[in-house]
C-alpha atoms as a PDB file:
ATOM      1  CA  MET A   1     -36.885  29.119  34.176  1.00  0.00           C
ATOM      2  CA  LEU A   2     -38.318  26.896  31.443  1.00  0.00           C
ATOM      3  CA  MET A   3     -41.809  27.768  32.579  1.00  0.00           C
ATOM      4  CA  ILE A   4     -41.048  31.463  32.084  1.00  0.00           C
ATOM      5  CA  ALA A   5     -39.844  30.819  28.536  1.00  0.00           C
ATOM      6  CA  ARG A   6     -42.837  28.590  27.693  1.00  0.00           C
ATOM      7  CA  LYS A   7     -45.336  31.093  29.051  1.00  0.00           C
ATOM      8  CA  ALA A   8     -43.626  33.877  27.166  1.00  0.00           C
ATOM      9  CA  LEU A   9     -43.668  31.834  23.952  1.00  0.00           C
ATOM     10  CA  ALA A  10     -47.309  30.930  24.356  1.00  0.00           C
ATOM     11  CA  SER A  11     -48.340  34.547  24.772  1.00  0.00           C
ATOM     12  CA  ALA A  12     -45.907  36.097  22.302  1.00  0.00           C
ATOM     13  CA  HIS A  13     -47.253  37.543  19.081  1.00  0.00           C
ATOM     14  CA  THR A  14     -44.017  39.271  18.121  1.00  0.00           C
ATOM     15  CA  LYS A  15     -41.324  37.651  16.033  1.00  0.00           C
ATOM     16  CA  ALA A  16     -38.750  37.519  18.847  1.00  0.00           C
ATOM     17  CA  PHE A  17     -38.241  38.621  22.413  1.00  0.00           C
ATOM     18  CA  ARG A  18     -35.370  38.583  24.910  1.00  0.00           C
ATOM     19  CA  LEU A  19     -35.165  36.914  28.282  1.00  0.00           C
ATOM     20  CA  ALA A  20     -33.342  39.011  30.837  1.00  0.00           C
ATOM     21  CA  THR A  21     -30.206  37.745  32.561  1.00  0.00           C
ATOM     22  CA  ARG A  22     -32.070  37.222  35.820  1.00  0.00           C
ATOM     23  CA  ASP A  23     -34.423  34.794  34.053  1.00  0.00           C
ATOM     24  CA  VAL A  24     -31.610  32.653  32.634  1.00  0.00           C
ATOM     25  CA  HIS A  25     -29.035  32.469  35.440  1.00  0.00           C
ATOM     26  CA  CYS A  26     -25.521  33.005  34.058  1.00  0.00           C
ATOM     27  CA  PHE A  27     -26.321  33.500  30.362  1.00  0.00           C
ATOM     28  CA  SER A  28     -26.167  37.102  29.177  1.00  0.00           C
ATOM     29  CA  SER A  29     -29.366  37.207  27.156  1.00  0.00           C
ATOM     30  CA  ILE A  30     -30.942  34.765  24.763  1.00  0.00           C
ATOM     31  CA  LEU A  31     -32.902  35.531  21.649  1.00  0.00           C
ATOM     32  CA  VAL A  32     -35.907  33.222  21.512  1.00  0.00           C
ATOM     33  CA  SER A  33     -38.215  32.867  18.526  1.00  0.00           C
ATOM     34  CA  PRO A  34     -41.852  31.800  18.798  1.00  0.00           C
ATOM     35  CA  PRO A  35     -42.763  28.395  17.382  1.00  0.00           C
ATOM     36  CA  LEU A  36     -43.278  28.292  13.627  1.00  0.00           C
ATOM     37  CA  VAL A  37     -46.916  27.224  13.925  1.00  0.00           C
ATOM     38  CA  SER A  38     -47.820  30.556  15.507  1.00  0.00           C
ATOM     39  CA  LEU A  39     -46.414  32.690  12.691  1.00  0.00           C
ATOM     40  CA  ASP A  40     -48.869  34.343  10.343  1.00  0.00           C
ATOM     41  CA  LEU A  41     -47.509  33.382   6.939  1.00  0.00           C
ATOM     42  CA  PRO A  42     -49.340  34.020   3.680  1.00  0.00           C
ATOM     43  CA  GLU A  43     -50.833  31.042   1.840  1.00  0.00           C
ATOM     44  CA  ASN A  44     -48.658  31.717  -1.227  1.00  0.00           C
ATOM     45  CA  TRP A  45     -45.066  32.743  -0.892  1.00  0.00           C
ATOM     46  CA  ILE A  46     -44.094  35.797  -2.913  1.00  0.00           C
ATOM     47  CA  PRO A  47     -40.372  36.527  -3.286  1.00  0.00           C
ATOM     48  CA  TYR A  48     -39.229  39.985  -2.219  1.00  0.00           C
ATOM     49  CA  SER A  49     -36.680  40.249  -5.020  1.00  0.00           C
ATOM     50  CA  ASP A  50     -36.639  39.508  -8.703  1.00  0.00           C
ATOM     51  CA  PRO A  51     -35.431  36.044  -9.693  1.00  0.00           C
ATOM     52  CA  PRO A  52     -31.850  35.821 -10.964  1.00  0.00           C
ATOM     53  CA  PRO A  53     -31.349  36.056 -14.708  1.00  0.00           C
ATOM     54  CA  PRO A  54     -31.266  32.760 -16.594  1.00  0.00           C
ATOM     55  CA  VAL A  55     -27.861  31.142 -16.860  1.00  0.00           C
ATOM     56  CA  SER A  56     -26.205  31.515 -20.222  1.00  0.00           C
ATOM     57  CA  PHE A  57     -24.491  28.370 -21.384  1.00  0.00           C
ATOM     58  CA  GLU A  58     -22.049  30.446 -23.432  1.00  0.00           C
ATOM     59  CA  THR A  59     -20.432  31.925 -20.301  1.00  0.00           C
ATOM     60  CA  GLU A  60     -19.978  28.618 -18.484  1.00  0.00           C
ATOM     61  CA  GLN A  61     -16.687  26.786 -18.550  1.00  0.00           C
ATOM     62  CA  LYS A  62     -16.421  24.010 -21.036  1.00  0.00           C
ATOM     63  CA  THR A  63     -15.399  20.466 -20.206  1.00  0.00           C
ATOM     64  CA  VAL A  64     -11.720  19.764 -20.736  1.00  0.00           C
ATOM     65  CA  VAL A  65     -10.519  16.222 -21.296  1.00  0.00           C
ATOM     66  CA  VAL A  66      -7.231  15.621 -19.495  1.00  0.00           C
ATOM     67  CA  ASP A  67      -4.890  13.074 -21.030  1.00  0.00           C
ATOM     68  CA  GLY A  68      -3.077  11.436 -18.123  1.00  0.00           C
ATOM     69  CA  ASN A  69      -0.576   9.767 -20.450  1.00  0.00           C
ATOM     70  CA  VAL A  70       0.586  13.132 -21.790  1.00  0.00           C
ATOM     71  CA  ILE A  71       0.982  14.542 -18.279  1.00  0.00           C
ATOM     72  CA  ALA A  72       2.828  11.411 -17.125  1.00  0.00           C
ATOM     73  CA  GLU A  73       5.197  11.690 -20.088  1.00  0.00           C
ATOM     74  CA  GLU A  74       5.929  15.347 -19.234  1.00  0.00           C
ATOM     75  CA  ILE A  75       6.712  14.384 -15.631  1.00  0.00           C
ATOM     76  CA  ARG A  76       8.876  11.466 -16.788  1.00  0.00           C
ATOM     77  CA  THR A  77      10.804  13.774 -19.158  1.00  0.00           C
ATOM     78  CA  LYS A  78      11.476  16.268 -16.335  1.00  0.00           C
ATOM     79  CA  ILE A  79      12.697  13.479 -14.046  1.00  0.00           C
ATOM     80  CA  ILE A  80      15.015  12.128 -16.754  1.00  0.00           C
ATOM     81  CA  SER A  81      16.439  15.627 -17.169  1.00  0.00           C
ATOM     82  CA  GLU A  82      16.934  16.093 -13.405  1.00  0.00           C
ATOM     83  CA  VAL A  83      18.570  12.686 -12.985  1.00  0.00           C
ATOM     84  CA  GLY A  84      20.911  13.485 -15.895  1.00  0.00           C
ATOM     85  CA  LYS A  85      21.863  16.844 -14.338  1.00  0.00           C
ATOM     86  CA  MET A  86      22.453  15.167 -10.978  1.00  0.00           C
ATOM     87  CA  LYS A  87      24.646  12.476 -12.521  1.00  0.00           C
ATOM     88  CA  LYS A  88      26.669  15.112 -14.378  1.00  0.00           C
ATOM     89  CA  ALA A  89      27.004  17.437 -11.365  1.00  0.00           C
ATOM     90  CA  VAL A  90      27.727  14.983  -8.526  1.00  0.00           C
ATOM     91  CA  GLY A  91      28.339  11.686 -10.308  1.00  0.00           C
ATOM     92  CA  LYS A  92      25.427   9.935  -8.579  1.00  0.00           C
ATOM     93  CA  VAL A  93      21.844   9.038  -9.391  1.00  0.00           C
ATOM     94  CA  PRO A  94      18.963   8.545  -6.955  1.00  0.00           C
ATOM     95  CA  GLY A  95      18.493   4.996  -5.687  1.00  0.00           C
ATOM     96  CA  LEU A  96      15.289   3.234  -4.650  1.00  0.00           C
ATOM     97  CA  ALA A  97      15.234  -0.043  -2.719  1.00  0.00           C
ATOM     98  CA  VAL A  98      12.045  -2.104  -2.643  1.00  0.00           C
ATOM     99  CA  VAL A  99      11.212  -4.846  -0.147  1.00  0.00           C
ATOM    100  CA  LEU A 100       8.538  -7.270  -1.342  1.00  0.00           C
ATOM    101  CA  VAL A 101       7.315  -9.933   1.073  1.00  0.00           C
ATOM    102  CA  GLY A 102       5.189 -12.775  -0.277  1.00  0.00           C
ATOM    103  CA  GLU A 103       3.686 -13.331  -3.698  1.00  0.00           C
ATOM    104  CA  GLN A 104       0.550 -11.203  -3.874  1.00  0.00           C
ATOM    105  CA  ARG A 105      -0.071 -10.494  -7.552  1.00  0.00           C
ATOM    106  CA  ASP A 106      -1.225  -6.908  -7.043  1.00  0.00           C
ATOM    107  CA  SER A 107       1.865  -6.104  -4.958  1.00  0.00           C
ATOM    108  CA  GLN A 108       4.118  -7.734  -7.555  1.00  0.00           C
ATOM    109  CA  THR A 109       2.494  -5.676 -10.315  1.00  0.00           C
ATOM    110  CA  TYR A 110       2.903  -2.442  -8.351  1.00  0.00           C
ATOM    111  CA  VAL A 111       6.566  -3.162  -7.597  1.00  0.00           C
ATOM    112  CA  ARG A 112       7.257  -4.210 -11.199  1.00  0.00           C
ATOM    113  CA  ASN A 113       5.809  -0.870 -12.410  1.00  0.00           C
ATOM    114  CA  LYS A 114       7.946   1.089  -9.915  1.00  0.00           C
ATOM    115  CA  ILE A 115      11.104  -0.685 -11.054  1.00  0.00           C
ATOM    116  CA  LYS A 116      10.190  -0.123 -14.710  1.00  0.00           C
ATOM    117  CA  ALA A 117       9.640   3.599 -14.006  1.00  0.00           C
ATOM    118  CA  CYS A 118      13.046   3.765 -12.309  1.00  0.00           C
ATOM    119  CA  GLU A 119      14.721   2.125 -15.301  1.00  0.00           C
ATOM    120  CA  GLU A 120      13.014   4.525 -17.733  1.00  0.00           C
ATOM    121  CA  THR A 121      14.137   7.590 -15.791  1.00  0.00           C
ATOM    122  CA  GLY A 122      17.681   6.514 -14.919  1.00  0.00           C
ATOM    123  CA  ILE A 123      17.045   5.929 -11.216  1.00  0.00           C
ATOM    124  CA  LYS A 124      18.874   2.984  -9.643  1.00  0.00           C
ATOM    125  CA  SER A 125      16.509   0.341  -8.269  1.00  0.00           C
ATOM    126  CA  VAL A 126      17.171  -2.682  -6.077  1.00  0.00           C
ATOM    127  CA  LEU A 127      14.578  -5.329  -5.214  1.00  0.00           C
ATOM    128  CA  ALA A 128      14.649  -7.650  -2.209  1.00  0.00           C
ATOM    129  CA  GLU A 129      12.050 -10.416  -2.448  1.00  0.00           C
ATOM    130  CA  LEU A 130      11.346 -12.337   0.734  1.00  0.00           C
ATOM    131  CA  PRO A 131       9.142 -15.405   1.201  1.00  0.00           C
ATOM    132  CA  GLU A 132       5.705 -15.088   2.792  1.00  0.00           C
ATOM    133  CA  ASP A 133       6.870 -16.985   5.877  1.00  0.00           C
ATOM    134  CA  CYS A 134       9.915 -14.777   6.534  1.00  0.00           C
ATOM    135  CA  THR A 135      10.607 -13.522  10.033  1.00  0.00           C
ATOM    136  CA  GLU A 136      10.700 -10.007  11.388  1.00  0.00           C
ATOM    137  CA  GLY A 137      14.466 -10.425  11.793  1.00  0.00           C
ATOM    138  CA  GLN A 138      14.896 -11.147   8.079  1.00  0.00           C
ATOM    139  CA  ILE A 139      12.948  -8.025   7.114  1.00  0.00           C
ATOM    140  CA  ILE A 140      14.918  -5.875   9.559  1.00  0.00           C
ATOM    141  CA  SER A 141      18.199  -7.310   8.259  1.00  0.00           C
ATOM    142  CA  VAL A 142      17.303  -6.366   4.667  1.00  0.00           C
ATOM    143  CA  LEU A 143      16.177  -2.891   5.735  1.00  0.00           C
ATOM    144  CA  ARG A 144      19.381  -2.283   7.712  1.00  0.00           C
ATOM    145  CA  LYS A 145      21.442  -3.328   4.684  1.00  0.00           C
ATOM    146  CA  PHE A 146      19.568  -0.865   2.467  1.00  0.00           C
ATOM    147  CA  ASN A 147      19.748   1.838   5.136  1.00  0.00           C
ATOM    148  CA  GLU A 148      23.546   1.557   5.282  1.00  0.00           C
ATOM    149  CA  ASP A 149      23.955   1.585   1.480  1.00  0.00           C
ATOM    150  CA  THR A 150      24.878   5.151   0.461  1.00  0.00           C
ATOM    151  CA  SER A 151      23.595   4.617  -3.077  1.00  0.00           C
ATOM    152  CA  ILE A 152      20.045   4.064  -1.749  1.00  0.00           C
ATOM    153  CA  HIS A 153      18.057   7.236  -1.107  1.00  0.00           C
ATOM    154  CA  GLY A 154      14.607   5.760  -0.553  1.00  0.00           C
ATOM    155  CA  ILE A 155      13.226   2.463   0.705  1.00  0.00           C
ATOM    156  CA  LEU A 156       9.783   1.203  -0.240  1.00  0.00           C
ATOM    157  CA  VAL A 157       8.352  -1.579   1.924  1.00  0.00           C
ATOM    158  CA  GLN A 158       5.481  -2.941  -0.136  1.00  0.00           C
ATOM    159  CA  LEU A 159       2.354  -3.395   1.948  1.00  0.00           C
ATOM    160  CA  PRO A 160       0.471  -5.361   2.985  1.00  0.00           C
ATOM    161  CA  LEU A 161       2.968  -7.478   4.857  1.00  0.00           C
ATOM    162  CA  PRO A 162       1.875 -10.969   5.898  1.00  0.00           C
ATOM    163  CA  GLN A 163      -0.107 -10.901   9.151  1.00  0.00           C
ATOM    164  CA  VAL A 164       2.671 -12.665  11.057  1.00  0.00           C
ATOM    165  CA  CYS A 165       5.119  -9.858  10.258  1.00  0.00           C
ATOM    166  CA  PHE A 166       2.686  -6.967  10.360  1.00  0.00           C
ATOM    167  CA  SER A 167       1.416  -7.551  13.886  1.00  0.00           C
ATOM    168  CA  PHE A 168       4.798  -6.922  15.520  1.00  0.00           C
ATOM    169  CA  PHE A 169       6.851  -5.249  12.799  1.00  0.00           C
ATOM    170  CA  SER A 170       8.208  -1.787  13.625  1.00  0.00           C
ATOM    171  CA  LEU A 171      10.060   0.536  11.278  1.00  0.00           C
ATOM    172  CA  ASP A 172      11.287   2.534  14.281  1.00  0.00           C
ATOM    173  CA  VAL A 173      13.788  -0.249  14.986  1.00  0.00           C
ATOM    174  CA  VAL A 174      15.422   0.275  11.606  1.00  0.00           C
ATOM    175  CA  MET A 175      14.898   3.927  10.806  1.00  0.00           C
ATOM    176  CA  GLY A 176      15.769   5.480  14.169  1.00  0.00           C
ATOM    177  CA  ASP A 177      15.455   9.255  14.218  1.00  0.00           C
ATOM    178  CA  VAL A 178      14.270  10.007  10.709  1.00  0.00           C
ATOM    179  CA  SER A 179      12.266  13.153  10.197  1.00  0.00           C
ATOM    180  CA  VAL A 180      10.107  14.097   7.266  1.00  0.00           C
ATOM    181  CA  VAL A 181      10.399  17.692   6.116  1.00  0.00           C
ATOM    182  CA  ASP A 182       7.604  19.289   4.122  1.00  0.00           C
ATOM    183  CA  VAL A 183       9.257  21.724   1.720  1.00  0.00           C
ATOM    184  CA  LYS A 184       6.990  24.405   0.275  1.00  0.00           C
ATOM    185  CA  ASP A 185       7.954  26.603  -2.636  1.00  0.00           C
END
């Protein structure tokens, strides 16, 4: 079969030809092109169409500088408003519990910023700090306590956990059958 295709390619002077089904077992038909070295191409390439008009810089979009602080303040203001409405309507505010294991400076900074954001927006926040050498049982105990607290609506376990905890730690033990729902507007 390959010999047929090679012989056909070697003798072909057309741009393409088809091999019949009988030549290629179960394939319907295959379009085969001759090798590029056998094509008669002109020395200089001449385009078949006119080149596109030059790009006008006046019609292009201009660069817009986005101020993240302004956007963050707008989001913060909306959250403050929503928390206020929730407190007025149902007498409760959202609650966030944070579990911080160990004393990694970057984790402490991240958690401190989350707690500060909660305070600024009226969201209740609770922090549980555990030593680096804590056991899996201690972490699970803290998580169960937060899970049973009706004023807590979200739990943040700050990663990374120490290697001793992380290798055998499982949130399934604590969370049980929790499902995440993706709500689309």
